[in-house]
Amino acid sequence: MDATVFRDTIVKPALLKLNRWSDAAEKLIMGTAAQESGLKFTRQIGGGPALGYFQMEPATHDDCWTNFINFRASLKSKLLSIRQAQGMPSAAELETDHVYAAAMARVRYMRAPESLPADGKGLARYWKQHYNTPLGAGTISEFIASWNRLLAPKPYDRIA
């Protein structure tokens, strides 16, 4: 998907509905999608469990609800209003409800104690630490390469 369209129709609406938009948050969520799915895959290649453009695993989705969202009434209300589906949230929604998936990616980062960095390399390190995790297969250099291939020069500058 075109990066500008992805930003304008998925990422920015999700962040605004959560009241969590900032330039750094937008770039972090965009970079996450670029790295995790190349802005095109909503199921993990190779048959793994990860779903959506942000390749969130069902266990991570469920943990966010069980141990974070359910203890924050305002956040819970916002997420329930973002979703297209009714009833109890399901990780399966990450594959088809892209705005909800973007919101859940932001929730995942909300659990990190550090503030969002402003620079591209900082965003790459933040993604590695708090989304992919130190044990994950992804690397900071892969994040930067995905960013430069898919997000630069539109809608963002290259990461040097």
N, C-alpha and C. Protein backbone atom coordinates (compact mmCIF):
# COMPACT_ATOMS: atom_id res chain seq x y z
N MET A 1 0.85 -1.17 0.00
CA MET A 1 0.00 0.00 0.00
C MET A 1 0.90 1.24 0.00
N ASP A 2 0.47 2.26 -0.67
CA ASP A 2 1.19 3.53 -0.70
C ASP A 2 1.33 4.06 0.74
N ALA A 3 2.53 4.49 1.09
CA ALA A 3 2.81 4.92 2.47
C ALA A 3 1.98 6.13 2.89
N THR A 4 1.78 7.08 2.00
CA THR A 4 1.01 8.26 2.36
C THR A 4 -0.45 7.89 2.61
N VAL A 5 -1.00 7.03 1.77
CA VAL A 5 -2.38 6.56 1.97
C VAL A 5 -2.47 5.77 3.27
N PHE A 6 -1.50 4.92 3.54
CA PHE A 6 -1.47 4.13 4.77
C PHE A 6 -1.47 5.06 5.99
N ARG A 7 -0.64 6.06 5.94
CA ARG A 7 -0.58 7.03 7.05
C ARG A 7 -1.92 7.75 7.22
N ASP A 8 -2.46 8.25 6.12
CA ASP A 8 -3.66 9.10 6.19
C ASP A 8 -4.95 8.34 6.48
N THR A 9 -5.02 7.06 6.10
CA THR A 9 -6.27 6.31 6.28
C THR A 9 -6.24 5.29 7.42
N ILE A 10 -5.06 4.96 7.90
CA ILE A 10 -4.95 3.94 8.95
C ILE A 10 -4.27 4.49 10.20
N VAL A 11 -3.04 4.92 10.06
CA VAL A 11 -2.24 5.28 11.24
C VAL A 11 -2.71 6.56 11.91
N LYS A 12 -2.83 7.62 11.15
CA LYS A 12 -3.23 8.89 11.76
C LYS A 12 -4.62 8.81 12.39
N PRO A 13 -5.63 8.23 11.71
CA PRO A 13 -6.94 8.11 12.37
C PRO A 13 -6.88 7.31 13.67
N ALA A 14 -6.10 6.24 13.70
CA ALA A 14 -6.00 5.43 14.92
C ALA A 14 -5.39 6.24 16.06
N LEU A 15 -4.32 6.94 15.77
CA LEU A 15 -3.65 7.72 16.81
C LEU A 15 -4.51 8.88 17.29
N LEU A 16 -5.22 9.51 16.38
CA LEU A 16 -6.10 10.62 16.78
C LEU A 16 -7.26 10.11 17.64
N LYS A 17 -7.83 8.97 17.27
CA LYS A 17 -8.94 8.41 18.05
C LYS A 17 -8.49 7.99 19.45
N LEU A 18 -7.24 7.59 19.58
CA LEU A 18 -6.69 7.25 20.89
C LEU A 18 -6.25 8.49 21.67
N ASN A 19 -6.24 9.63 20.99
CA ASN A 19 -5.68 10.86 21.56
C ASN A 19 -4.20 10.67 21.89
N ARG A 20 -3.49 9.97 21.00
CA ARG A 20 -2.08 9.66 21.17
C ARG A 20 -1.26 10.04 19.93
N TRP A 21 -1.78 11.00 19.14
CA TRP A 21 -1.02 11.39 17.97
C TRP A 21 0.11 12.32 18.38
N SER A 22 1.25 12.11 17.83
CA SER A 22 2.38 13.03 17.84
C SER A 22 3.19 12.67 16.60
N ASP A 23 4.05 13.56 16.19
CA ASP A 23 4.89 13.26 15.04
C ASP A 23 5.71 11.99 15.28
N ALA A 24 6.28 11.88 16.48
CA ALA A 24 7.10 10.70 16.81
C ALA A 24 6.26 9.43 16.82
N ALA A 25 5.05 9.49 17.39
CA ALA A 25 4.19 8.31 17.43
C ALA A 25 3.79 7.88 16.02
N GLU A 26 3.43 8.85 15.19
CA GLU A 26 3.06 8.53 13.81
C GLU A 26 4.22 7.84 13.10
N LYS A 27 5.40 8.40 13.22
CA LYS A 27 6.56 7.81 12.54
C LYS A 27 6.90 6.43 13.09
N LEU A 28 6.78 6.25 14.40
CA LEU A 28 7.07 4.95 14.99
C LEU A 28 6.09 3.88 14.50
N ILE A 29 4.82 4.20 14.45
CA ILE A 29 3.82 3.23 13.99
C ILE A 29 4.00 2.96 12.49
N MET A 30 4.29 3.98 11.73
CA MET A 30 4.56 3.79 10.30
C MET A 30 5.80 2.92 10.09
N GLY A 31 6.85 3.20 10.83
CA GLY A 31 8.08 2.41 10.72
C GLY A 31 7.86 0.97 11.13
N THR A 32 7.03 0.78 12.15
CA THR A 32 6.71 -0.58 12.60
C THR A 32 6.03 -1.36 11.48
N ALA A 33 5.05 -0.76 10.83
CA ALA A 33 4.35 -1.44 9.73
C ALA A 33 5.29 -1.70 8.56
N ALA A 34 6.14 -0.73 8.24
CA ALA A 34 7.09 -0.91 7.14
C ALA A 34 8.00 -2.10 7.42
N GLN A 35 8.51 -2.18 8.63
CA GLN A 35 9.42 -3.27 8.97
C GLN A 35 8.69 -4.61 9.11
N GLU A 36 7.57 -4.61 9.78
CA GLU A 36 6.90 -5.87 10.11
C GLU A 36 6.21 -6.51 8.91
N SER A 37 5.63 -5.72 8.02
CA SER A 37 4.84 -6.30 6.93
C SER A 37 5.15 -5.75 5.55
N GLY A 38 6.06 -4.78 5.47
CA GLY A 38 6.31 -4.15 4.18
C GLY A 38 5.11 -3.39 3.66
N LEU A 39 4.18 -3.05 4.54
CA LEU A 39 2.92 -2.37 4.20
C LEU A 39 2.06 -3.19 3.25
N LYS A 40 2.25 -4.52 3.24
CA LYS A 40 1.44 -5.31 2.32
C LYS A 40 0.95 -6.65 2.86
N PHE A 41 1.57 -7.21 3.86
CA PHE A 41 1.16 -8.53 4.34
C PHE A 41 0.35 -8.41 5.63
N THR A 42 -0.79 -9.09 5.68
CA THR A 42 -1.60 -9.07 6.89
C THR A 42 -1.60 -10.44 7.60
N ARG A 43 -0.87 -11.37 7.06
CA ARG A 43 -0.63 -12.67 7.71
C ARG A 43 0.86 -12.94 7.64
N GLN A 44 1.37 -13.51 8.70
CA GLN A 44 2.80 -13.79 8.76
C GLN A 44 3.21 -14.77 7.67
N ILE A 45 4.25 -14.40 6.93
CA ILE A 45 4.78 -15.29 5.90
C ILE A 45 5.38 -16.51 6.58
N GLY A 46 5.10 -17.68 6.05
CA GLY A 46 5.60 -18.91 6.64
C GLY A 46 4.63 -19.55 7.62
N GLY A 47 3.46 -18.92 7.79
CA GLY A 47 2.43 -19.54 8.61
C GLY A 47 2.51 -19.27 10.09
N GLY A 48 3.28 -18.30 10.51
CA GLY A 48 3.35 -17.96 11.94
C GLY A 48 2.08 -17.32 12.43
N PRO A 49 2.04 -17.00 13.72
CA PRO A 49 0.79 -16.50 14.31
C PRO A 49 0.54 -15.00 14.11
N ALA A 50 1.54 -14.23 13.71
CA ALA A 50 1.41 -12.77 13.67
C ALA A 50 0.38 -12.33 12.63
N LEU A 51 -0.39 -11.28 12.99
CA LEU A 51 -1.49 -10.81 12.14
C LEU A 51 -1.43 -9.31 11.91
N GLY A 52 -1.95 -8.90 10.77
CA GLY A 52 -2.09 -7.48 10.46
C GLY A 52 -0.81 -6.86 9.93
N TYR A 53 -0.94 -5.63 9.48
CA TYR A 53 0.21 -4.90 8.96
C TYR A 53 1.30 -4.72 10.01
N PHE A 54 0.93 -4.83 11.29
CA PHE A 54 1.88 -4.63 12.37
C PHE A 54 2.38 -5.95 12.92
N GLN A 55 1.91 -7.06 12.35
CA GLN A 55 2.36 -8.41 12.69
C GLN A 55 2.37 -8.65 14.20
N MET A 56 1.26 -8.32 14.84
CA MET A 56 1.12 -8.57 16.27
C MET A 56 0.63 -10.01 16.47
N GLU A 57 1.25 -10.69 17.41
CA GLU A 57 0.83 -12.05 17.71
C GLU A 57 -0.41 -12.03 18.60
N PRO A 58 -1.29 -13.02 18.44
CA PRO A 58 -2.48 -13.07 19.28
C PRO A 58 -2.16 -13.02 20.78
N ALA A 59 -1.11 -13.68 21.21
CA ALA A 59 -0.76 -13.67 22.63
C ALA A 59 -0.42 -12.25 23.10
N THR A 60 0.23 -11.46 22.26
CA THR A 60 0.56 -10.08 22.61
C THR A 60 -0.72 -9.25 22.68
N HIS A 61 -1.59 -9.41 21.69
CA HIS A 61 -2.88 -8.72 21.68
C HIS A 61 -3.63 -9.00 22.97
N ASP A 62 -3.75 -10.26 23.30
CA ASP A 62 -4.53 -10.65 24.48
C ASP A 62 -3.88 -10.16 25.77
N ASP A 63 -2.55 -10.18 25.83
CA ASP A 63 -1.84 -9.68 27.01
C ASP A 63 -2.06 -8.17 27.18
N CYS A 64 -2.08 -7.44 26.08
CA CYS A 64 -2.35 -6.00 26.17
C CYS A 64 -3.72 -5.75 26.81
N TRP A 65 -4.70 -6.54 26.40
CA TRP A 65 -6.04 -6.38 26.98
C TRP A 65 -6.07 -6.82 28.44
N THR A 66 -5.52 -7.97 28.73
CA THR A 66 -5.60 -8.54 30.08
C THR A 66 -4.83 -7.73 31.12
N ASN A 67 -3.64 -7.29 30.76
CA ASN A 67 -2.75 -6.69 31.75
C ASN A 67 -2.54 -5.18 31.62
N PHE A 68 -3.18 -4.56 30.65
CA PHE A 68 -2.97 -3.11 30.48
C PHE A 68 -4.29 -2.39 30.21
N ILE A 69 -4.92 -2.71 29.10
CA ILE A 69 -6.12 -1.98 28.67
C ILE A 69 -7.26 -2.10 29.68
N ASN A 70 -7.50 -3.29 30.19
CA ASN A 70 -8.61 -3.50 31.11
C ASN A 70 -8.49 -2.70 32.40
N PHE A 71 -7.32 -2.16 32.68
CA PHE A 71 -7.10 -1.34 33.87
C PHE A 71 -7.12 0.15 33.57
N ARG A 72 -7.48 0.52 32.35
CA ARG A 72 -7.52 1.91 31.92
C ARG A 72 -8.83 2.15 31.18
N ALA A 73 -9.83 2.61 31.93
CA ALA A 73 -11.20 2.72 31.41
C ALA A 73 -11.29 3.61 30.18
N SER A 74 -10.60 4.73 30.19
CA SER A 74 -10.66 5.65 29.06
C SER A 74 -10.06 5.01 27.80
N LEU A 75 -8.91 4.38 27.96
CA LEU A 75 -8.27 3.70 26.83
C LEU A 75 -9.16 2.57 26.32
N LYS A 76 -9.72 1.80 27.21
CA LYS A 76 -10.60 0.70 26.82
C LYS A 76 -11.79 1.22 26.02
N SER A 77 -12.39 2.29 26.47
CA SER A 77 -13.53 2.87 25.78
C SER A 77 -13.15 3.34 24.37
N LYS A 78 -12.00 3.97 24.26
CA LYS A 78 -11.54 4.44 22.94
C LYS A 78 -11.29 3.27 21.99
N LEU A 79 -10.64 2.23 22.49
CA LEU A 79 -10.37 1.06 21.64
C LEU A 79 -11.65 0.36 21.21
N LEU A 80 -12.58 0.24 22.12
CA LEU A 80 -13.86 -0.40 21.75
C LEU A 80 -14.61 0.41 20.70
N SER A 81 -14.47 1.73 20.75
CA SER A 81 -15.15 2.57 19.76
C SER A 81 -14.43 2.57 18.40
N ILE A 82 -13.16 2.28 18.39
CA ILE A 82 -12.37 2.22 17.16
C ILE A 82 -12.72 0.96 16.35
N ARG A 83 -12.95 -0.13 17.04
CA ARG A 83 -13.16 -1.42 16.40
C ARG A 83 -14.40 -1.44 15.50
N GLN A 84 -14.31 -2.20 14.41
CA GLN A 84 -15.45 -2.40 13.54
C GLN A 84 -16.39 -3.47 14.11
N ALA A 85 -15.83 -4.44 14.81
CA ALA A 85 -16.61 -5.56 15.35
C ALA A 85 -17.27 -5.18 16.66
N GLN A 86 -18.24 -5.96 17.04
CA GLN A 86 -18.92 -5.81 18.33
C GLN A 86 -18.47 -6.95 19.24
N GLY A 87 -18.80 -6.84 20.52
CA GLY A 87 -18.48 -7.91 21.45
C GLY A 87 -17.06 -7.83 21.95
N MET A 88 -16.57 -8.93 22.46
CA MET A 88 -15.24 -8.99 23.03
C MET A 88 -14.17 -8.86 21.93
N PRO A 89 -13.13 -8.08 22.18
CA PRO A 89 -12.06 -7.95 21.19
C PRO A 89 -11.37 -9.28 20.94
N SER A 90 -11.00 -9.48 19.69
CA SER A 90 -10.33 -10.71 19.28
C SER A 90 -9.10 -10.36 18.46
N ALA A 91 -8.04 -11.12 18.67
CA ALA A 91 -6.82 -10.90 17.90
C ALA A 91 -7.06 -11.08 16.40
N ALA A 92 -8.03 -11.87 16.02
CA ALA A 92 -8.33 -12.09 14.60
C ALA A 92 -8.66 -10.77 13.89
N GLU A 93 -9.17 -9.80 14.62
CA GLU A 93 -9.50 -8.49 14.05
C GLU A 93 -8.28 -7.76 13.50
N LEU A 94 -7.10 -8.08 14.02
CA LEU A 94 -5.87 -7.41 13.59
C LEU A 94 -5.61 -7.58 12.09
N GLU A 95 -6.11 -8.67 11.54
CA GLU A 95 -5.87 -8.97 10.12
C GLU A 95 -6.74 -8.14 9.19
N THR A 96 -7.91 -7.73 9.64
CA THR A 96 -8.86 -7.06 8.75
C THR A 96 -9.24 -5.65 9.19
N ASP A 97 -9.13 -5.34 10.45
CA ASP A 97 -9.49 -4.01 10.97
C ASP A 97 -8.18 -3.25 11.18
N HIS A 98 -7.73 -2.59 10.13
CA HIS A 98 -6.40 -2.01 10.11
C HIS A 98 -6.24 -0.83 11.06
N VAL A 99 -7.29 -0.03 11.25
CA VAL A 99 -7.21 1.08 12.19
C VAL A 99 -7.09 0.53 13.61
N TYR A 100 -7.85 -0.50 13.93
CA TYR A 100 -7.74 -1.15 15.24
C TYR A 100 -6.34 -1.74 15.43
N ALA A 101 -5.79 -2.36 14.40
CA ALA A 101 -4.46 -2.94 14.49
C ALA A 101 -3.42 -1.85 14.75
N ALA A 102 -3.55 -0.70 14.10
CA ALA A 102 -2.63 0.41 14.35
C ALA A 102 -2.76 0.90 15.78
N ALA A 103 -3.98 0.99 16.26
CA ALA A 103 -4.21 1.42 17.65
C ALA A 103 -3.57 0.42 18.62
N MET A 104 -3.70 -0.85 18.34
CA MET A 104 -3.10 -1.86 19.22
C MET A 104 -1.57 -1.81 19.17
N ALA A 105 -1.01 -1.49 18.02
CA ALA A 105 0.45 -1.32 17.96
C ALA A 105 0.88 -0.16 18.86
N ARG A 106 0.10 0.91 18.83
CA ARG A 106 0.42 2.06 19.70
C ARG A 106 0.28 1.68 21.17
N VAL A 107 -0.74 0.89 21.49
CA VAL A 107 -0.92 0.42 22.87
C VAL A 107 0.30 -0.39 23.31
N ARG A 108 0.79 -1.22 22.44
CA ARG A 108 1.98 -2.02 22.78
C ARG A 108 3.13 -1.10 23.20
N TYR A 109 3.32 -0.02 22.47
CA TYR A 109 4.39 0.93 22.80
C TYR A 109 4.05 1.75 24.05
N MET A 110 2.80 1.96 24.34
CA MET A 110 2.42 2.72 25.53
C MET A 110 2.88 2.03 26.81
N ARG A 111 3.13 0.77 26.74
CA ARG A 111 3.57 0.01 27.91
C ARG A 111 5.05 0.22 28.21
N ALA A 112 5.79 0.81 27.30
CA ALA A 112 7.22 1.05 27.51
C ALA A 112 7.41 2.28 28.41
N PRO A 113 8.38 2.23 29.31
CA PRO A 113 8.57 3.34 30.24
C PRO A 113 9.24 4.57 29.64
N GLU A 114 9.99 4.40 28.55
CA GLU A 114 10.73 5.52 27.97
C GLU A 114 9.85 6.36 27.05
N SER A 115 10.17 7.63 26.94
CA SER A 115 9.50 8.52 26.00
C SER A 115 9.87 8.13 24.58
N LEU A 116 9.03 8.52 23.63
CA LEU A 116 9.31 8.24 22.23
C LEU A 116 10.45 9.13 21.75
N PRO A 117 11.42 8.55 21.05
CA PRO A 117 12.50 9.36 20.48
C PRO A 117 12.00 10.14 19.26
N ALA A 118 12.70 11.20 18.93
CA ALA A 118 12.29 12.04 17.80
C ALA A 118 13.02 11.68 16.51
N ASP A 119 14.21 11.09 16.60
CA ASP A 119 15.00 10.84 15.40
C ASP A 119 14.80 9.41 14.90
N GLY A 120 15.10 9.21 13.62
CA GLY A 120 14.87 7.93 12.97
C GLY A 120 15.63 6.77 13.58
N LYS A 121 16.90 6.96 13.89
CA LYS A 121 17.67 5.88 14.50
C LYS A 121 17.14 5.55 15.88
N GLY A 122 16.71 6.58 16.60
CA GLY A 122 16.11 6.35 17.91
C GLY A 122 14.82 5.55 17.79
N LEU A 123 14.01 5.85 16.78
CA LEU A 123 12.78 5.10 16.55
C LEU A 123 13.09 3.63 16.24
N ALA A 124 14.13 3.41 15.46
CA ALA A 124 14.53 2.04 15.13
C ALA A 124 14.95 1.28 16.38
N ARG A 125 15.72 1.93 17.24
CA ARG A 125 16.13 1.29 18.50
C ARG A 125 14.93 1.02 19.40
N TYR A 126 14.00 1.98 19.44
CA TYR A 126 12.79 1.85 20.26
C TYR A 126 11.94 0.68 19.78
N TRP A 127 11.76 0.57 18.46
CA TRP A 127 11.04 -0.56 17.89
C TRP A 127 11.69 -1.88 18.30
N LYS A 128 13.01 -1.96 18.17
CA LYS A 128 13.72 -3.19 18.50
C LYS A 128 13.54 -3.56 19.97
N GLN A 129 13.66 -2.59 20.85
CA GLN A 129 13.58 -2.84 22.28
C GLN A 129 12.16 -3.19 22.74
N HIS A 130 11.17 -2.46 22.22
CA HIS A 130 9.83 -2.55 22.79
C HIS A 130 8.78 -3.24 21.93
N TYR A 131 9.09 -3.51 20.69
CA TYR A 131 8.10 -4.19 19.83
C TYR A 131 8.65 -5.54 19.38
N ASN A 132 9.77 -5.52 18.72
CA ASN A 132 10.39 -6.77 18.26
C ASN A 132 11.03 -7.51 19.43
N THR A 133 11.49 -6.78 20.42
CA THR A 133 12.16 -7.22 21.64
C THR A 133 13.59 -7.66 21.36
N PRO A 134 14.44 -7.61 22.36
CA PRO A 134 15.84 -8.02 22.17
C PRO A 134 15.99 -9.46 21.67
N LEU A 135 15.02 -10.31 21.95
CA LEU A 135 15.10 -11.71 21.50
C LEU A 135 14.52 -11.92 20.10
N GLY A 136 13.87 -10.90 19.55
CA GLY A 136 13.26 -11.02 18.23
C GLY A 136 14.28 -11.08 17.12
N ALA A 137 13.85 -11.58 15.98
CA ALA A 137 14.76 -11.79 14.85
C ALA A 137 15.10 -10.50 14.11
N GLY A 138 14.27 -9.48 14.23
CA GLY A 138 14.51 -8.23 13.50
C GLY A 138 15.69 -7.46 14.05
N THR A 139 16.25 -6.60 13.19
CA THR A 139 17.39 -5.79 13.61
C THR A 139 17.12 -4.31 13.34
N ILE A 140 17.87 -3.49 14.02
CA ILE A 140 17.77 -2.05 13.83
C ILE A 140 18.10 -1.69 12.39
N SER A 141 19.11 -2.31 11.82
CA SER A 141 19.48 -2.00 10.43
C SER A 141 18.38 -2.41 9.46
N GLU A 142 17.65 -3.49 9.74
CA GLU A 142 16.52 -3.88 8.89
C GLU A 142 15.39 -2.84 8.97
N PHE A 143 15.13 -2.35 10.17
CA PHE A 143 14.11 -1.32 10.35
C PHE A 143 14.46 -0.10 9.51
N ILE A 144 15.71 0.33 9.60
CA ILE A 144 16.16 1.50 8.83
C ILE A 144 16.06 1.25 7.33
N ALA A 145 16.44 0.06 6.89
CA ALA A 145 16.35 -0.27 5.46
C ALA A 145 14.89 -0.29 5.00
N SER A 146 14.00 -0.86 5.81
CA SER A 146 12.58 -0.87 5.46
C SER A 146 12.03 0.54 5.39
N TRP A 147 12.40 1.37 6.35
CA TRP A 147 11.99 2.79 6.38
C TRP A 147 12.42 3.47 5.09
N ASN A 148 13.71 3.36 4.77
CA ASN A 148 14.24 4.06 3.60
C ASN A 148 13.67 3.54 2.30
N ARG A 149 13.32 2.28 2.24
CA ARG A 149 12.74 1.70 1.03
C ARG A 149 11.26 2.06 0.86
N LEU A 150 10.51 2.10 1.97
CA LEU A 150 9.06 2.23 1.87
C LEU A 150 8.50 3.58 2.29
N LEU A 151 9.21 4.31 3.12
CA LEU A 151 8.65 5.55 3.67
C LEU A 151 9.38 6.81 3.22
N ALA A 152 10.52 6.67 2.59
CA ALA A 152 11.29 7.83 2.13
C ALA A 152 11.37 7.79 0.61
N PRO A 153 11.27 8.89 -0.06
CA PRO A 153 11.17 10.23 0.49
C PRO A 153 9.75 10.65 0.84
N LYS A 154 8.74 9.83 0.55
CA LYS A 154 7.37 10.19 0.93
C LYS A 154 6.82 9.12 1.83
N PRO A 155 6.28 9.45 2.94
CA PRO A 155 6.01 10.78 3.45
C PRO A 155 7.09 11.36 4.36
N TYR A 156 8.21 10.63 4.56
CA TYR A 156 9.24 11.08 5.51
C TYR A 156 10.61 11.12 4.86
N ASP A 157 11.52 11.75 5.56
CA ASP A 157 12.92 11.78 5.11
C ASP A 157 13.59 10.42 5.38
N ARG A 158 14.67 10.19 4.67
CA ARG A 158 15.47 8.98 4.87
C ARG A 158 16.11 9.02 6.25
N ILE A 159 16.38 7.83 6.79
CA ILE A 159 17.20 7.72 7.99
C ILE A 159 18.60 7.45 7.52
N ALA A 160 19.53 8.29 7.91
CA ALA A 160 20.92 8.16 7.46
C ALA A 160 21.67 7.14 8.31
